[in-house]
């Protein structure tokens, strides 16, 4: 596993009212949310990156306004047609 180190001054941590652990978690969470939203990470990868279970990450993404299921209109129509045909 590769580890990345980002120096953060005590001034910044004080301004953010965070300790180093809180800042690291916040950065991991924002990175995971952005890359999940952009389709670069899966739901499971994003949750693991944040050291969260999938359900907590789903809640976090929902609070950030990021859809978990992102179907196009065509995909929804295909799913509905499949459901109607299977009845």
PDB file of N, CA and C in Angstrom:
ATOM      1  N   UNK A   1       0.852  -1.179   0.000  1.00  0.00           N
ATOM      2  CA  UNK A   1       0.000   0.000   0.000  1.00  0.00           C
ATOM      3  C   UNK A   1       0.893   1.235   0.000  1.00  0.00           C
ATOM      4  N   UNK A   2       0.517   2.202  -0.804  1.00  0.00           N
ATOM      5  CA  UNK A   2       1.233   3.467  -0.858  1.00  0.00           C
ATOM      6  C   UNK A   2       0.638   4.417   0.165  1.00  0.00           C
ATOM      7  N   UNK A   3       1.496   5.164   0.806  1.00  0.00           N
ATOM      8  CA  UNK A   3       1.019   6.156   1.765  1.00  0.00           C
ATOM      9  C   UNK A   3       1.426   7.539   1.278  1.00  0.00           C
ATOM     10  N   UNK A   4       0.513   8.494   1.406  1.00  0.00           N
ATOM     11  CA  UNK A   4       0.749   9.868   0.989  1.00  0.00           C
ATOM     12  C   UNK A   4       0.787  10.737   2.240  1.00  0.00           C
ATOM     13  N   UNK A   5       1.790  11.595   2.314  1.00  0.00           N
ATOM     14  CA  UNK A   5       1.910  12.498   3.456  1.00  0.00           C
ATOM     15  C   UNK A   5       1.703  13.928   2.983  1.00  0.00           C
ATOM     16  N   UNK A   6       0.820  14.629   3.666  1.00  0.00           N
ATOM     17  CA  UNK A   6       0.541  16.030   3.330  1.00  0.00           C
ATOM     18  C   UNK A   6       0.801  16.865   4.575  1.00  0.00           C
ATOM     19  N   UNK A   7       1.784  17.739   4.519  1.00  0.00           N
ATOM     20  CA  UNK A   7       2.039  18.576   5.692  1.00  0.00           C
ATOM     21  C   UNK A   7       0.933  19.630   5.851  1.00  0.00           C
ATOM     22  N   UNK A   8       0.473  19.796   7.076  1.00  0.00           N
ATOM     23  CA  UNK A   8      -0.540  20.803   7.390  1.00  0.00           C
ATOM     24  C   UNK A   8      -0.032  21.576   8.607  1.00  0.00           C
ATOM     25  N   UNK A   9       0.026  22.874   8.480  1.00  0.00           N
ATOM     26  CA  UNK A   9       0.534  23.677   9.592  1.00  0.00           C
ATOM     27  C   UNK A   9      -0.464  23.668  10.750  1.00  0.00           C
ATOM     28  N   UNK A  10       0.059  23.858  11.933  1.00  0.00           N
ATOM     29  CA  UNK A  10      -0.797  23.946  13.119  1.00  0.00           C
ATOM     30  C   UNK A  10      -1.779  25.107  12.989  1.00  0.00           C
ATOM     31  N   UNK A  11      -1.349  26.180  12.307  1.00  0.00           N
ATOM     32  CA  UNK A  11      -2.233  27.337  12.069  1.00  0.00           C
ATOM     33  C   UNK A  11      -3.495  26.928  11.330  1.00  0.00           C
ATOM     34  N   UNK A  12      -3.324  26.126  10.298  1.00  0.00           N
ATOM     35  CA  UNK A  12      -4.475  25.695   9.492  1.00  0.00           C
ATOM     36  C   UNK A  12      -5.373  24.789  10.319  1.00  0.00           C
ATOM     37  N   UNK A  13      -4.779  23.851  11.042  1.00  0.00           N
ATOM     38  CA  UNK A  13      -5.590  22.965  11.881  1.00  0.00           C
ATOM     39  C   UNK A  13      -6.369  23.768  12.918  1.00  0.00           C
ATOM     40  N   UNK A  14      -5.729  24.774  13.498  1.00  0.00           N
ATOM     41  CA  UNK A  14      -6.416  25.625  14.474  1.00  0.00           C
ATOM     42  C   UNK A  14      -7.562  26.380  13.814  1.00  0.00           C
ATOM     43  N   UNK A  15      -7.308  26.919  12.625  1.00  0.00           N
ATOM     44  CA  UNK A  15      -8.359  27.653  11.903  1.00  0.00           C
ATOM     45  C   UNK A  15      -9.530  26.744  11.563  1.00  0.00           C
ATOM     46  N   UNK A  16      -9.230  25.505  11.239  1.00  0.00           N
ATOM     47  CA  UNK A  16     -10.277  24.547  10.899  1.00  0.00           C
ATOM     48  C   UNK A  16     -10.929  23.943  12.137  1.00  0.00           C
ATOM     49  N   UNK A  17     -10.341  24.191  13.276  1.00  0.00           N
ATOM     50  CA  UNK A  17     -10.810  23.613  14.540  1.00  0.00           C
ATOM     51  C   UNK A  17     -10.830  22.084  14.450  1.00  0.00           C
ATOM     52  N   UNK A  18      -9.730  21.539  13.913  1.00  0.00           N
ATOM     53  CA  UNK A  18      -9.587  20.095  13.735  1.00  0.00           C
ATOM     54  C   UNK A  18      -8.229  19.647  14.249  1.00  0.00           C
ATOM     55  N   UNK A  19      -8.168  18.375  14.631  1.00  0.00           N
ATOM     56  CA  UNK A  19      -6.851  17.800  14.876  1.00  0.00           C
ATOM     57  C   UNK A  19      -6.415  17.107  13.590  1.00  0.00           C
ATOM     58  N   UNK A  20      -5.212  16.548  13.581  1.00  0.00           N
ATOM     59  CA  UNK A  20      -4.668  15.950  12.363  1.00  0.00           C
ATOM     60  C   UNK A  20      -5.531  14.784  11.875  1.00  0.00           C
ATOM     61  N   UNK A  21      -6.047  13.978  12.790  1.00  0.00           N
ATOM     62  CA  UNK A  21      -6.889  12.844  12.407  1.00  0.00           C
ATOM     63  C   UNK A  21      -8.180  13.287  11.745  1.00  0.00           C
ATOM     64  N   UNK A  22      -8.806  14.317  12.294  1.00  0.00           N
ATOM     65  CA  UNK A  22     -10.050  14.844  11.708  1.00  0.00           C
ATOM     66  C   UNK A  22      -9.793  15.419  10.320  1.00  0.00           C
ATOM     67  N   UNK A  23      -8.672  16.133  10.163  1.00  0.00           N
ATOM     68  CA  UNK A  23      -8.336  16.716   8.863  1.00  0.00           C
ATOM     69  C   UNK A  23      -8.073  15.621   7.843  1.00  0.00           C
ATOM     70  N   UNK A  24      -7.350  14.572   8.248  1.00  0.00           N
ATOM     71  CA  UNK A  24      -7.057  13.461   7.331  1.00  0.00           C
ATOM     72  C   UNK A  24      -8.351  12.770   6.907  1.00  0.00           C
ATOM     73  N   UNK A  25      -9.253  12.526   7.858  1.00  0.00           N
ATOM     74  CA  UNK A  25     -10.527  11.884   7.521  1.00  0.00           C
ATOM     75  C   UNK A  25     -11.338  12.760   6.572  1.00  0.00           C
ATOM     76  N   UNK A  26     -11.378  14.056   6.846  1.00  0.00           N
ATOM     77  CA  UNK A  26     -12.128  14.980   5.994  1.00  0.00           C
ATOM     78  C   UNK A  26     -11.580  14.985   4.574  1.00  0.00           C
ATOM     79  N   UNK A  27     -10.259  14.982   4.433  1.00  0.00           N
ATOM     80  CA  UNK A  27      -9.660  14.962   3.099  1.00  0.00           C
ATOM     81  C   UNK A  27      -9.945  13.645   2.383  1.00  0.00           C
ATOM     82  N   UNK A  28      -9.848  12.517   3.099  1.00  0.00           N
ATOM     83  CA  UNK A  28     -10.153  11.222   2.479  1.00  0.00           C
ATOM     84  C   UNK A  28     -11.609  11.182   2.033  1.00  0.00           C
ATOM     85  N   UNK A  29     -12.508  11.692   2.889  1.00  0.00           N
ATOM     86  CA  UNK A  29     -13.939  11.673   2.566  1.00  0.00           C
ATOM     87  C   UNK A  29     -14.235  12.513   1.326  1.00  0.00           C
ATOM     88  N   UNK A  30     -13.697  13.715   1.263  1.00  0.00           N
ATOM     89  CA  UNK A  30     -13.948  14.596   0.111  1.00  0.00           C
ATOM     90  C   UNK A  30     -13.355  14.011  -1.167  1.00  0.00           C
ATOM     91  N   UNK A  31     -12.183  13.405  -1.070  1.00  0.00           N
ATOM     92  CA  UNK A  31     -11.556  12.763  -2.219  1.00  0.00           C
ATOM     93  C   UNK A  31     -12.425  11.612  -2.723  1.00  0.00           C
ATOM     94  N   UNK A  32     -12.904  10.796  -1.794  1.00  0.00           N
ATOM     95  CA  UNK A  32     -13.746   9.649  -2.164  1.00  0.00           C
ATOM     96  C   UNK A  32     -15.063  10.115  -2.771  1.00  0.00           C
ATOM     97  N   UNK A  33     -15.686  11.133  -2.183  1.00  0.00           N
ATOM     98  CA  UNK A  33     -16.950  11.646  -2.721  1.00  0.00           C
ATOM     99  C   UNK A  33     -16.774  12.179  -4.134  1.00  0.00           C
ATOM    100  N   UNK A  34     -15.727  12.962  -4.353  1.00  0.00           N
ATOM    101  CA  UNK A  34     -15.495  13.533  -5.688  1.00  0.00           C
ATOM    102  C   UNK A  34     -15.264  12.434  -6.715  1.00  0.00           C
ATOM    103  N   UNK A  35     -14.431  11.468  -6.375  1.00  0.00           N
ATOM    104  CA  UNK A  35     -14.104  10.426  -7.333  1.00  0.00           C
ATOM    105  C   UNK A  35     -15.241   9.436  -7.530  1.00  0.00           C
ATOM    106  N   UNK A  36     -16.087   9.247  -6.525  1.00  0.00           N
ATOM    107  CA  UNK A  36     -17.296   8.443  -6.708  1.00  0.00           C
ATOM    108  C   UNK A  36     -18.260   9.184  -7.636  1.00  0.00           C
ATOM    109  N   UNK A  37     -18.475  10.469  -7.372  1.00  0.00           N
ATOM    110  CA  UNK A  37     -19.373  11.286  -8.209  1.00  0.00           C
ATOM    111  C   UNK A  37     -18.901  11.302  -9.658  1.00  0.00           C
ATOM    112  N   UNK A  38     -17.575  11.358  -9.864  1.00  0.00           N
ATOM    113  CA  UNK A  38     -17.012  11.409 -11.214  1.00  0.00           C
ATOM    114  C   UNK A  38     -16.930  10.031 -11.868  1.00  0.00           C
ATOM    115  N   UNK A  39     -17.337   8.985 -11.142  1.00  0.00           N
ATOM    116  CA  UNK A  39     -17.328   7.642 -11.700  1.00  0.00           C
ATOM    117  C   UNK A  39     -15.961   6.980 -11.729  1.00  0.00           C
ATOM    118  N   UNK A  40     -15.007   7.532 -11.001  1.00  0.00           N
ATOM    119  CA  UNK A  40     -13.653   6.971 -10.989  1.00  0.00           C
ATOM    120  C   UNK A  40     -13.488   5.895  -9.924  1.00  0.00           C
ATOM    121  N   UNK A  41     -14.283   5.952  -8.867  1.00  0.00           N
ATOM    122  CA  UNK A  41     -14.271   4.941  -7.814  1.00  0.00           C
ATOM    123  C   UNK A  41     -15.663   4.342  -7.684  1.00  0.00           C
ATOM    124  N   UNK A  42     -15.719   3.067  -7.368  1.00  0.00           N
ATOM    125  CA  UNK A  42     -17.006   2.422  -7.108  1.00  0.00           C
ATOM    126  C   UNK A  42     -17.476   2.798  -5.705  1.00  0.00           C
ATOM    127  N   UNK A  43     -18.695   2.426  -5.416  1.00  0.00           N
ATOM    128  CA  UNK A  43     -19.238   2.643  -4.078  1.00  0.00           C
ATOM    129  C   UNK A  43     -18.383   1.933  -3.035  1.00  0.00           C
ATOM    130  N   UNK A  44     -18.042   0.683  -3.292  1.00  0.00           N
ATOM    131  CA  UNK A  44     -17.240  -0.093  -2.341  1.00  0.00           C
ATOM    132  C   UNK A  44     -15.837   0.493  -2.178  1.00  0.00           C
ATOM    133  N   UNK A  45     -15.219   0.907  -3.273  1.00  0.00           N
ATOM    134  CA  UNK A  45     -13.889   1.506  -3.188  1.00  0.00           C
ATOM    135  C   UNK A  45     -13.924   2.807  -2.392  1.00  0.00           C
ATOM    136  N   UNK A  46     -14.946   3.609  -2.635  1.00  0.00           N
ATOM    137  CA  UNK A  46     -15.076   4.890  -1.937  1.00  0.00           C
ATOM    138  C   UNK A  46     -15.265   4.681  -0.447  1.00  0.00           C
ATOM    139  N   UNK A  47     -16.121   3.750  -0.085  1.00  0.00           N
ATOM    140  CA  UNK A  47     -16.357   3.458   1.334  1.00  0.00           C
ATOM    141  C   UNK A  47     -15.077   2.960   1.995  1.00  0.00           C
ATOM    142  N   UNK A  48     -14.371   2.056   1.330  1.00  0.00           N
ATOM    143  CA  UNK A  48     -13.128   1.514   1.890  1.00  0.00           C
ATOM    144  C   UNK A  48     -12.078   2.607   2.050  1.00  0.00           C
ATOM    145  N   UNK A  49     -12.000   3.510   1.078  1.00  0.00           N
ATOM    146  CA  UNK A  49     -11.028   4.601   1.145  1.00  0.00           C
ATOM    147  C   UNK A  49     -11.266   5.466   2.381  1.00  0.00           C
ATOM    148  N   UNK A  50     -12.530   5.636   2.752  1.00  0.00           N
ATOM    149  CA  UNK A  50     -12.894   6.439   3.935  1.00  0.00           C
ATOM    150  C   UNK A  50     -12.895   5.618   5.217  1.00  0.00           C
ATOM    151  N   UNK A  51     -12.621   4.321   5.091  1.00  0.00           N
ATOM    152  CA  UNK A  51     -12.710   3.406   6.229  1.00  0.00           C
ATOM    153  C   UNK A  51     -14.123   3.433   6.820  1.00  0.00           C
ATOM    154  N   UNK A  52     -15.123   3.435   5.922  1.00  0.00           N
ATOM    155  CA  UNK A  52     -16.536   3.414   6.302  1.00  0.00           C
ATOM    156  C   UNK A  52     -17.164   2.141   5.765  1.00  0.00           C
ATOM    157  N   UNK A  53     -18.274   1.729   6.362  1.00  0.00           N
ATOM    158  CA  UNK A  53     -19.033   0.664   5.720  1.00  0.00           C
ATOM    159  C   UNK A  53     -19.851   1.311   4.590  1.00  0.00           C
ATOM    160  N   UNK A  54     -20.337   0.478   3.691  1.00  0.00           N
ATOM    161  CA  UNK A  54     -21.046   1.003   2.519  1.00  0.00           C
ATOM    162  C   UNK A  54     -22.261   1.833   2.912  1.00  0.00           C
ATOM    163  N   UNK A  55     -22.980   1.396   3.937  1.00  0.00           N
ATOM    164  CA  UNK A  55     -24.199   2.102   4.337  1.00  0.00           C
ATOM    165  C   UNK A  55     -23.897   3.509   4.847  1.00  0.00           C
ATOM    166  N   UNK A  56     -22.805   3.652   5.595  1.00  0.00           N
ATOM    167  CA  UNK A  56     -22.413   4.988   6.066  1.00  0.00           C
ATOM    168  C   UNK A  56     -21.975   5.858   4.896  1.00  0.00           C
ATOM    169  N   UNK A  57     -21.278   5.259   3.916  1.00  0.00           N
ATOM    170  CA  UNK A  57     -20.861   6.058   2.761  1.00  0.00           C
ATOM    171  C   UNK A  57     -22.063   6.469   1.929  1.00  0.00           C
ATOM    172  N   UNK A  58     -23.044   5.586   1.788  1.00  0.00           N
ATOM    173  CA  UNK A  58     -24.275   5.945   1.068  1.00  0.00           C
ATOM    174  C   UNK A  58     -24.928   7.145   1.738  1.00  0.00           C
ATOM    175  N   UNK A  59     -24.999   7.127   3.054  1.00  0.00           N
ATOM    176  CA  UNK A  59     -25.585   8.242   3.798  1.00  0.00           C
ATOM    177  C   UNK A  59     -24.776   9.519   3.587  1.00  0.00           C
ATOM    178  N   UNK A  60     -23.455   9.397   3.633  1.00  0.00           N
ATOM    179  CA  UNK A  60     -22.574  10.559   3.434  1.00  0.00           C
ATOM    180  C   UNK A  60     -22.748  11.132   2.032  1.00  0.00           C
ATOM    181  N   UNK A  61     -22.793  10.258   1.028  1.00  0.00           N
ATOM    182  CA  UNK A  61     -22.973  10.715  -0.356  1.00  0.00           C
ATOM    183  C   UNK A  61     -24.342  11.371  -0.533  1.00  0.00           C
ATOM    184  N   UNK A  62     -25.365  10.779   0.062  1.00  0.00           N
ATOM    185  CA  UNK A  62     -26.717  11.353  -0.029  1.00  0.00           C
ATOM    186  C   UNK A  62     -26.762  12.743   0.603  1.00  0.00           C
ATOM    187  N   UNK A  63     -26.120  12.891   1.751  1.00  0.00           N
ATOM    188  CA  UNK A  63     -26.082  14.206   2.412  1.00  0.00           C
ATOM    189  C   UNK A  63     -25.348  15.229   1.557  1.00  0.00           C
ATOM    190  N   UNK A  64     -24.389  14.764   0.752  1.00  0.00           N
ATOM    191  CA  UNK A  64     -23.631  15.654  -0.132  1.00  0.00           C
ATOM    192  C   UNK A  64     -24.355  15.881  -1.464  1.00  0.00           C
ATOM    193  N   UNK A  65     -25.545  15.279  -1.624  1.00  0.00           N
ATOM    194  CA  UNK A  65     -26.317  15.466  -2.852  1.00  0.00           C
ATOM    195  C   UNK A  65     -25.803  14.641  -4.022  1.00  0.00           C
ATOM    196  N   UNK A  66     -25.065  13.584  -3.727  1.00  0.00           N
ATOM    197  CA  UNK A  66     -24.515  12.727  -4.784  1.00  0.00           C
ATOM    198  C   UNK A  66     -25.400  11.486  -4.907  1.00  0.00           C
ATOM    199  N   UNK A  67     -25.988  11.270  -6.067  1.00  0.00           N
ATOM    200  CA  UNK A  67     -26.863  10.095  -6.222  1.00  0.00           C
ATOM    201  C   UNK A  67     -26.061   8.802  -6.175  1.00  0.00           C
ATOM    202  N   UNK A  68     -26.630   7.799  -5.541  1.00  0.00           N
ATOM    203  CA  UNK A  68     -25.993   6.494  -5.466  1.00  0.00           C
ATOM    204  C   UNK A  68     -26.275   5.707  -6.741  1.00  0.00           C
ATOM    205  N   UNK A  69     -27.495   5.812  -7.225  1.00  0.00           N
ATOM    206  CA  UNK A  69     -27.884   5.170  -8.478  1.00  0.00           C
ATOM    207  C   UNK A  69     -28.106   6.286  -9.479  1.00  0.00           C
ATOM    208  N   UNK A  70     -27.361   6.257 -10.545  1.00  0.00           N
ATOM    209  CA  UNK A  70     -27.402   7.349 -11.520  1.00  0.00           C
ATOM    210  C   UNK A  70     -27.768   6.793 -12.888  1.00  0.00           C
ATOM    211  N   UNK A  71     -29.072   6.523 -13.069  1.00  0.00           N
ATOM    212  CA  UNK A  71     -29.569   5.997 -14.336  1.00  0.00           C
ATOM    213  C   UNK A  71     -29.925   7.135 -15.274  1.00  0.00           C
ATOM    214  N   UNK A  72     -29.663   6.902 -16.551  1.00  0.00           N
ATOM    215  CA  UNK A  72     -30.161   7.824 -17.568  1.00  0.00           C
ATOM    216  C   UNK A  72     -31.633   7.491 -17.808  1.00  0.00           C
ATOM    217  N   UNK A  73     -32.342   8.363 -18.493  1.00  0.00           N
ATOM    218  CA  UNK A  73     -33.741   8.124 -18.828  1.00  0.00           C
ATOM    219  C   UNK A  73     -33.871   6.830 -19.640  1.00  0.00           C
ATOM    220  N   UNK A  74     -32.941   6.617 -20.571  1.00  0.00           N
ATOM    221  CA  UNK A  74     -32.975   5.413 -21.396  1.00  0.00           C
ATOM    222  C   UNK A  74     -32.816   4.151 -20.540  1.00  0.00           C
ATOM    223  N   UNK A  75     -31.908   4.207 -19.557  1.00  0.00           N
ATOM    224  CA  UNK A  75     -31.702   3.049 -18.691  1.00  0.00           C
ATOM    225  C   UNK A  75     -32.937   2.762 -17.836  1.00  0.00           C
ATOM    226  N   UNK A  76     -33.587   3.810 -17.357  1.00  0.00           N
ATOM    227  CA  UNK A  76     -34.815   3.629 -16.577  1.00  0.00           C
ATOM    228  C   UNK A  76     -35.896   3.008 -17.455  1.00  0.00           C
ATOM    229  N   UNK A  77     -36.033   3.517 -18.682  1.00  0.00           N
ATOM    230  CA  UNK A  77     -37.021   2.957 -19.614  1.00  0.00           C
ATOM    231  C   UNK A  77     -36.745   1.487 -19.894  1.00  0.00           C
ATOM    232  N   UNK A  78     -35.484   1.124 -20.066  1.00  0.00           N
ATOM    233  CA  UNK A  78     -35.122  -0.275 -20.309  1.00  0.00           C
ATOM    234  C   UNK A  78     -35.470  -1.144 -19.101  1.00  0.00           C
ATOM    235  N   UNK A  79     -35.172  -0.661 -17.909  1.00  0.00           N
ATOM    236  CA  UNK A  79     -35.487  -1.415 -16.691  1.00  0.00           C
ATOM    237  C   UNK A  79     -37.003  -1.597 -16.538  1.00  0.00           C
ATOM    238  N   UNK A  80     -37.754  -0.534 -16.791  1.00  0.00           N
ATOM    239  CA  UNK A  80     -39.218  -0.626 -16.684  1.00  0.00           C
ATOM    240  C   UNK A  80     -39.781  -1.584 -17.725  1.00  0.00           C
ATOM    241  N   UNK A  81     -39.248  -1.531 -18.931  1.00  0.00           N
ATOM    242  CA  UNK A  81     -39.701  -2.448 -19.974  1.00  0.00           C
ATOM    243  C   UNK A  81     -39.393  -3.889 -19.572  1.00  0.00           C
ATOM    244  N   UNK A  82     -38.213  -4.135 -19.042  1.00  0.00           N
ATOM    245  CA  UNK A  82     -37.853  -5.482 -18.596  1.00  0.00           C
ATOM    246  C   UNK A  82     -38.788  -5.952 -17.482  1.00  0.00           C
ATOM    247  N   UNK A  83     -39.092  -5.058 -16.529  1.00  0.00           N
ATOM    248  CA  UNK A  83     -39.996  -5.425 -15.447  1.00  0.00           C
ATOM    249  C   UNK A  83     -41.393  -5.746 -15.964  1.00  0.00           C
ATOM    250  N   UNK A  84     -41.881  -4.936 -16.894  1.00  0.00           N
ATOM    251  CA  UNK A  84     -43.210  -5.174 -17.473  1.00  0.00           C
ATOM    252  C   UNK A  84     -43.242  -6.474 -18.262  1.00  0.00           C
ATOM    253  N   UNK A  85     -42.173  -6.791 -18.985  1.00  0.00           N
ATOM    254  CA  UNK A  85     -42.128  -8.021 -19.774  1.00  0.00           C
ATOM    255  C   UNK A  85     -42.043  -9.260 -18.894  1.00  0.00           C
ATOM    256  N   UNK A  86     -41.497  -9.117 -17.710  1.00  0.00           N
ATOM    257  CA  UNK A  86     -41.296 -10.292 -16.843  1.00  0.00           C
ATOM    258  C   UNK A  86     -42.550 -10.623 -16.026  1.00  0.00           C
ATOM    259  N   UNK A  87     -43.586  -9.834 -16.155  1.00  0.00           N
ATOM    260  CA  UNK A  87     -44.830 -10.101 -15.409  1.00  0.00           C
ATOM    261  C   UNK A  87     -45.683 -11.063 -16.104  1.00  0.00           C
TER     262      UNK A  87
END
